[in-house]
Amino acid sequence: MNIGLIFAGGVGSRMHSKELPKQFLRIHDRPIMVHTIEHFERNPEIDAVVVVCVAEWMDYFGKLVEQYHLAKVRKVVPGGKTGQLSIYNGLVAAKEVVGNEKSIVLIHDGVRPLINSELLTKNIECVKKYGTSITSGIVKETIVEIDDEGAIKLVPDRAHSRVAKAPQCFWLDDILGAHQKALAEGREDFIDSCTMMQHYGFKLHMTDGPYENIKITTPDDFYTMRAILQVKEDAQIYGIE
């Protein structure tokens, strides 16, 4: 089974939205996270979706599931006190859905809607071949590593540099086992799944995704997403290649 784990457990303080968490802000008559989940809904290889949601907004999200006919959403669970613990809650729920069936989990940000069905399929194929698949973004500018005083320590070769994005995809039992090991060690501060998996000795493989695969974190990101969606809509209407 292939299962999407959509993480939408934050409140988006950097978005400065007064009423709604950022994942529920609307663009093109749909909340951002509905745009995201619909990619999983449309991909025939995705069997189910688990959503990690802000606890106070779970009922609201349940109404969105009905309104937009998100049929693959099987479980909605509350987030934890950190991002790591929120993802763990989702992984436990995913395990309840798949049971003993060997399964691939695609961990994705609810506010990262500019992906496509092809990317999900490529990630699934990559996990089957290599055991892991971290969606990456091609670097268009030079990246430098600096020390605490701002001096440049390293200038990596751009051709071999990537930005780690999402979805981040693994065999479910592997990533769940890593989380359980981290909790047993008292670790709750891993910044994302690929950092945790590398820490516990897993070899990570990258899968390049679309350059516009941004995370909607600030108002600038919101306006960028709206512009990109408008361009894609115009291309469909006017037959633009």
Protein backbone atom coordinates (compact mmCIF):
# COMPACT_ATOMS: atom_id res chain seq x y z
CA MET A 1 0.00 0.00 0.00
CA ASN A 2 1.10 3.57 -0.69
CA ILE A 3 -0.11 6.09 1.87
CA GLY A 4 0.24 9.86 2.00
CA LEU A 5 0.92 11.51 5.34
CA ILE A 6 -0.04 15.17 5.08
CA PHE A 7 1.39 17.29 7.88
CA ALA A 8 -0.67 20.39 8.63
CA GLY A 9 -0.12 20.78 12.34
CA GLY A 10 1.13 24.39 12.49
CA VAL A 11 -0.69 27.67 12.90
CA GLY A 12 1.41 29.72 10.46
CA SER A 13 2.48 32.67 12.61
CA ARG A 14 4.75 33.98 9.84
CA MET A 15 1.78 34.26 7.45
CA HIS A 16 0.16 36.89 9.74
CA SER A 17 -3.31 35.60 8.87
CA LYS A 18 -5.75 36.81 11.52
CA GLU A 19 -8.48 34.18 11.41
CA LEU A 20 -7.29 30.98 9.76
CA PRO A 21 -4.15 28.84 10.00
CA LYS A 22 -2.22 29.20 6.76
CA GLN A 23 -3.19 25.73 5.48
CA PHE A 24 -6.84 26.85 5.35
CA LEU A 25 -6.29 30.11 3.47
CA ARG A 26 -8.13 30.01 0.15
CA ILE A 27 -6.65 30.35 -3.33
CA HIS A 28 -8.77 29.76 -6.44
CA ASP A 29 -11.77 28.89 -4.27
CA ARG A 30 -9.96 26.13 -2.38
CA PRO A 31 -8.00 26.01 0.87
CA ILE A 32 -4.27 25.50 0.32
CA MET A 33 -4.22 22.06 1.93
CA VAL A 34 -7.14 20.91 -0.25
CA HIS A 35 -5.04 21.81 -3.30
CA THR A 36 -2.27 19.67 -1.77
CA ILE A 37 -4.41 16.64 -0.91
CA GLU A 38 -6.07 16.63 -4.33
CA HIS A 39 -2.74 15.63 -5.92
CA PHE A 40 -2.82 12.50 -3.75
CA GLU A 41 -6.50 11.96 -4.52
CA ARG A 42 -5.88 12.01 -8.27
CA ASN A 43 -2.86 9.69 -8.29
CA PRO A 44 -4.05 6.10 -8.82
CA GLU A 45 -1.05 4.67 -6.96
CA ILE A 46 -1.96 6.43 -3.69
CA ASP A 47 -4.28 4.16 -1.70
CA ALA A 48 -4.96 6.27 1.39
CA VAL A 49 -4.14 9.55 3.12
CA VAL A 50 -3.61 10.38 6.79
CA VAL A 51 -3.72 14.02 7.86
CA VAL A 52 -2.09 15.55 10.94
CA CYS A 53 -4.10 18.63 11.83
CA VAL A 54 -4.13 21.37 14.44
CA ALA A 55 -6.31 19.85 17.18
CA GLU A 56 -8.62 22.85 17.41
CA TRP A 57 -9.28 22.75 13.67
CA MET A 58 -9.96 19.03 13.19
CA ASP A 59 -13.73 19.49 12.99
CA TYR A 60 -13.29 22.28 10.45
CA PHE A 61 -11.04 20.09 8.35
CA GLY A 62 -13.56 17.24 8.58
CA LYS A 63 -16.10 19.49 6.88
CA LEU A 64 -13.59 20.22 4.10
CA VAL A 65 -13.11 16.48 3.56
CA GLU A 66 -16.85 16.17 2.93
CA GLN A 67 -17.16 19.37 0.90
CA TYR A 68 -14.35 18.52 -1.52
CA HIS A 69 -14.95 14.76 -1.57
CA LEU A 70 -11.51 13.81 -0.31
CA ALA A 71 -12.30 10.11 -0.39
CA LYS A 72 -8.79 8.83 0.34
CA VAL A 73 -8.53 10.58 3.72
CA ARG A 74 -8.80 7.66 6.15
CA LYS A 75 -7.66 9.22 9.42
CA VAL A 76 -7.21 12.72 10.85
CA VAL A 77 -5.09 12.99 14.00
CA PRO A 78 -3.92 15.93 16.14
CA GLY A 79 -0.40 17.29 15.99
CA GLY A 80 2.14 17.05 18.80
CA LYS A 81 4.17 19.70 20.57
CA THR A 82 6.93 19.54 17.90
CA GLY A 83 6.97 18.82 14.19
CA GLN A 84 8.73 15.52 14.87
CA LEU A 85 6.05 14.40 17.31
CA SER A 86 3.30 15.48 14.92
CA ILE A 87 4.75 13.32 12.17
CA TYR A 88 5.07 10.45 14.63
CA ASN A 89 1.35 10.74 15.40
CA GLY A 90 0.67 10.51 11.68
CA LEU A 91 2.94 7.51 11.22
CA VAL A 92 1.19 5.64 14.02
CA ALA A 93 -2.15 6.37 12.35
CA ALA A 94 -0.77 5.26 8.98
CA LYS A 95 0.35 1.98 10.53
CA GLU A 96 -3.18 1.46 11.85
CA VAL A 97 -4.51 1.95 8.32
CA VAL A 98 -2.10 -0.41 6.53
CA GLY A 99 -1.82 -3.08 9.23
CA ASN A 100 0.85 -5.64 8.39
CA GLU A 101 0.95 -4.80 4.68
CA LYS A 102 4.38 -3.63 3.52
CA SER A 103 3.80 -0.01 2.67
CA ILE A 104 5.41 3.18 1.42
CA VAL A 105 4.64 6.45 3.20
CA LEU A 106 4.95 9.82 1.46
CA ILE A 107 5.39 12.51 4.13
CA HIS A 108 4.33 15.88 2.79
CA ASP A 109 3.62 19.43 3.97
CA GLY A 110 -0.01 20.48 3.75
CA VAL A 111 1.19 23.92 2.65
CA ARG A 112 3.31 22.61 -0.23
CA PRO A 113 0.64 22.39 -2.98
CA LEU A 114 2.72 23.00 -6.12
CA ILE A 115 3.61 19.36 -6.74
CA ASN A 116 2.15 17.01 -9.33
CA SER A 117 0.99 13.42 -9.71
CA GLU A 118 4.11 12.47 -11.68
CA LEU A 119 6.32 13.45 -8.74
CA LEU A 120 4.37 11.18 -6.38
CA THR A 121 4.78 8.25 -8.78
CA LYS A 122 8.51 8.92 -9.18
CA ASN A 123 8.94 8.94 -5.42
CA ILE A 124 7.13 5.63 -5.03
CA GLU A 125 9.31 4.05 -7.72
CA CYS A 126 12.44 5.45 -6.07
CA VAL A 127 11.57 3.97 -2.67
CA LYS A 128 10.96 0.59 -4.29
CA LYS A 129 14.40 0.78 -5.93
CA TYR A 130 16.54 2.49 -3.29
CA GLY A 131 14.56 2.32 -0.04
CA THR A 132 14.19 6.09 0.34
CA SER A 133 13.25 9.10 -1.77
CA ILE A 134 13.73 12.72 -0.74
CA THR A 135 12.18 15.20 -3.15
CA SER A 136 14.78 17.74 -4.11
CA GLY A 137 14.96 21.05 -5.87
CA ILE A 138 17.65 21.94 -8.38
CA VAL A 139 19.88 24.77 -7.17
CA LYS A 140 19.99 27.73 -9.56
CA GLU A 141 22.35 29.90 -7.52
CA THR A 142 25.60 29.27 -5.70
CA ILE A 143 25.22 27.86 -2.19
CA VAL A 144 27.82 28.63 0.47
CA GLU A 145 28.37 27.25 3.96
CA ILE A 146 29.47 29.79 6.57
CA ASP A 147 30.83 29.67 10.11
CA ASP A 148 29.35 31.44 13.14
CA GLU A 149 31.14 34.66 12.24
CA GLY A 150 29.88 34.75 8.66
CA ALA A 151 33.08 33.61 6.94
CA ILE A 152 32.63 31.18 4.05
CA LYS A 153 33.75 27.66 4.92
CA LEU A 154 32.65 25.79 1.81
CA VAL A 155 31.33 26.49 -1.69
CA PRO A 156 29.73 23.22 -2.90
CA ASP A 157 29.62 22.35 -6.58
CA ARG A 158 26.25 23.64 -7.78
CA ALA A 159 25.78 20.72 -10.17
CA HIS A 160 25.86 18.34 -7.22
CA SER A 161 23.86 20.53 -4.81
CA ARG A 162 20.16 20.18 -4.09
CA VAL A 163 17.55 21.68 -1.76
CA ALA A 164 15.70 19.04 0.25
CA LYS A 165 11.95 19.49 -0.12
CA ALA A 166 8.90 17.21 0.18
CA PRO A 167 7.41 14.71 -0.09
CA GLN A 168 10.00 12.67 1.81
CA CYS A 169 9.26 9.01 1.25
CA PHE A 170 10.23 5.76 2.97
CA TRP A 171 9.12 2.27 3.77
CA LEU A 172 6.66 2.91 6.58
CA ASP A 173 8.23 0.42 8.99
CA ASP A 174 11.67 2.01 8.49
CA ILE A 175 10.65 5.57 9.30
CA LEU A 176 8.34 4.49 12.12
CA GLY A 177 11.20 2.47 13.64
CA ALA A 178 13.51 5.49 13.43
CA HIS A 179 10.96 7.64 15.24
CA GLN A 180 10.55 5.04 17.96
CA LYS A 181 14.32 4.88 18.40
CA ALA A 182 14.50 8.69 18.65
CA LEU A 183 11.78 8.77 21.30
CA ALA A 184 13.52 6.03 23.26
CA GLU A 185 16.65 8.21 23.25
CA GLY A 186 14.71 11.31 24.33
CA ARG A 187 15.21 13.04 20.97
CA GLU A 188 12.34 15.30 19.90
CA ASP A 189 14.23 17.91 17.89
CA PHE A 190 14.84 16.40 14.45
CA ILE A 191 14.01 19.11 11.92
CA ASP A 192 12.64 16.73 9.29
CA SER A 193 12.42 13.08 8.32
CA CYS A 194 15.48 12.96 6.07
CA THR A 195 17.65 14.41 8.87
CA MET A 196 16.41 11.71 11.23
CA MET A 197 16.86 8.90 8.73
CA GLN A 198 20.41 9.97 7.89
CA HIS A 199 21.20 10.15 11.62
CA TYR A 200 20.17 6.52 12.01
CA GLY A 201 22.27 5.33 9.12
CA PHE A 202 19.85 5.17 6.21
CA LYS A 203 21.23 6.01 2.80
CA LEU A 204 19.09 8.71 1.22
CA HIS A 205 18.29 8.99 -2.46
CA MET A 206 17.11 12.24 -4.08
CA THR A 207 14.31 12.65 -6.61
CA ASP A 208 14.24 15.99 -8.43
CA GLY A 209 10.86 17.72 -8.35
CA PRO A 210 9.39 20.86 -9.95
CA TYR A 211 11.27 24.06 -9.17
CA GLU A 212 8.06 25.77 -8.04
CA ASN A 213 7.57 23.21 -5.24
CA ILE A 214 7.64 25.87 -2.55
CA LYS A 215 6.32 25.76 1.01
CA ILE A 216 3.70 28.45 1.65
CA THR A 217 5.14 30.05 4.78
CA THR A 218 5.06 33.83 4.27
CA PRO A 219 2.75 36.26 2.43
CA ASP A 220 5.28 36.36 -0.44
CA ASP A 221 4.92 32.59 -0.86
CA PHE A 222 1.13 32.95 -0.92
CA TYR A 223 1.26 35.51 -3.73
CA THR A 224 3.78 33.39 -5.65
CA MET A 225 1.50 30.36 -5.47
CA ARG A 226 -1.48 32.40 -6.63
CA ALA A 227 0.48 33.69 -9.62
CA ILE A 228 1.70 30.20 -10.58
CA LEU A 229 -1.81 28.74 -10.39
CA GLN A 230 -3.11 31.58 -12.52
CA VAL A 231 -0.47 30.90 -15.18
CA LYS A 232 -1.36 27.19 -15.20
CA GLU A 233 -5.06 27.98 -15.49
CA ASP A 234 -4.45 30.38 -18.36
CA ALA A 235 -2.35 27.74 -20.13
CA GLN A 236 -5.29 25.33 -20.03
CA ILE A 237 -7.79 27.93 -21.26
CA TYR A 238 -5.68 29.38 -24.06
CA GLY A 239 -3.78 26.25 -25.05
CA ILE A 240 -0.39 27.72 -24.14
CA GLU A 241 2.48 25.23 -24.23
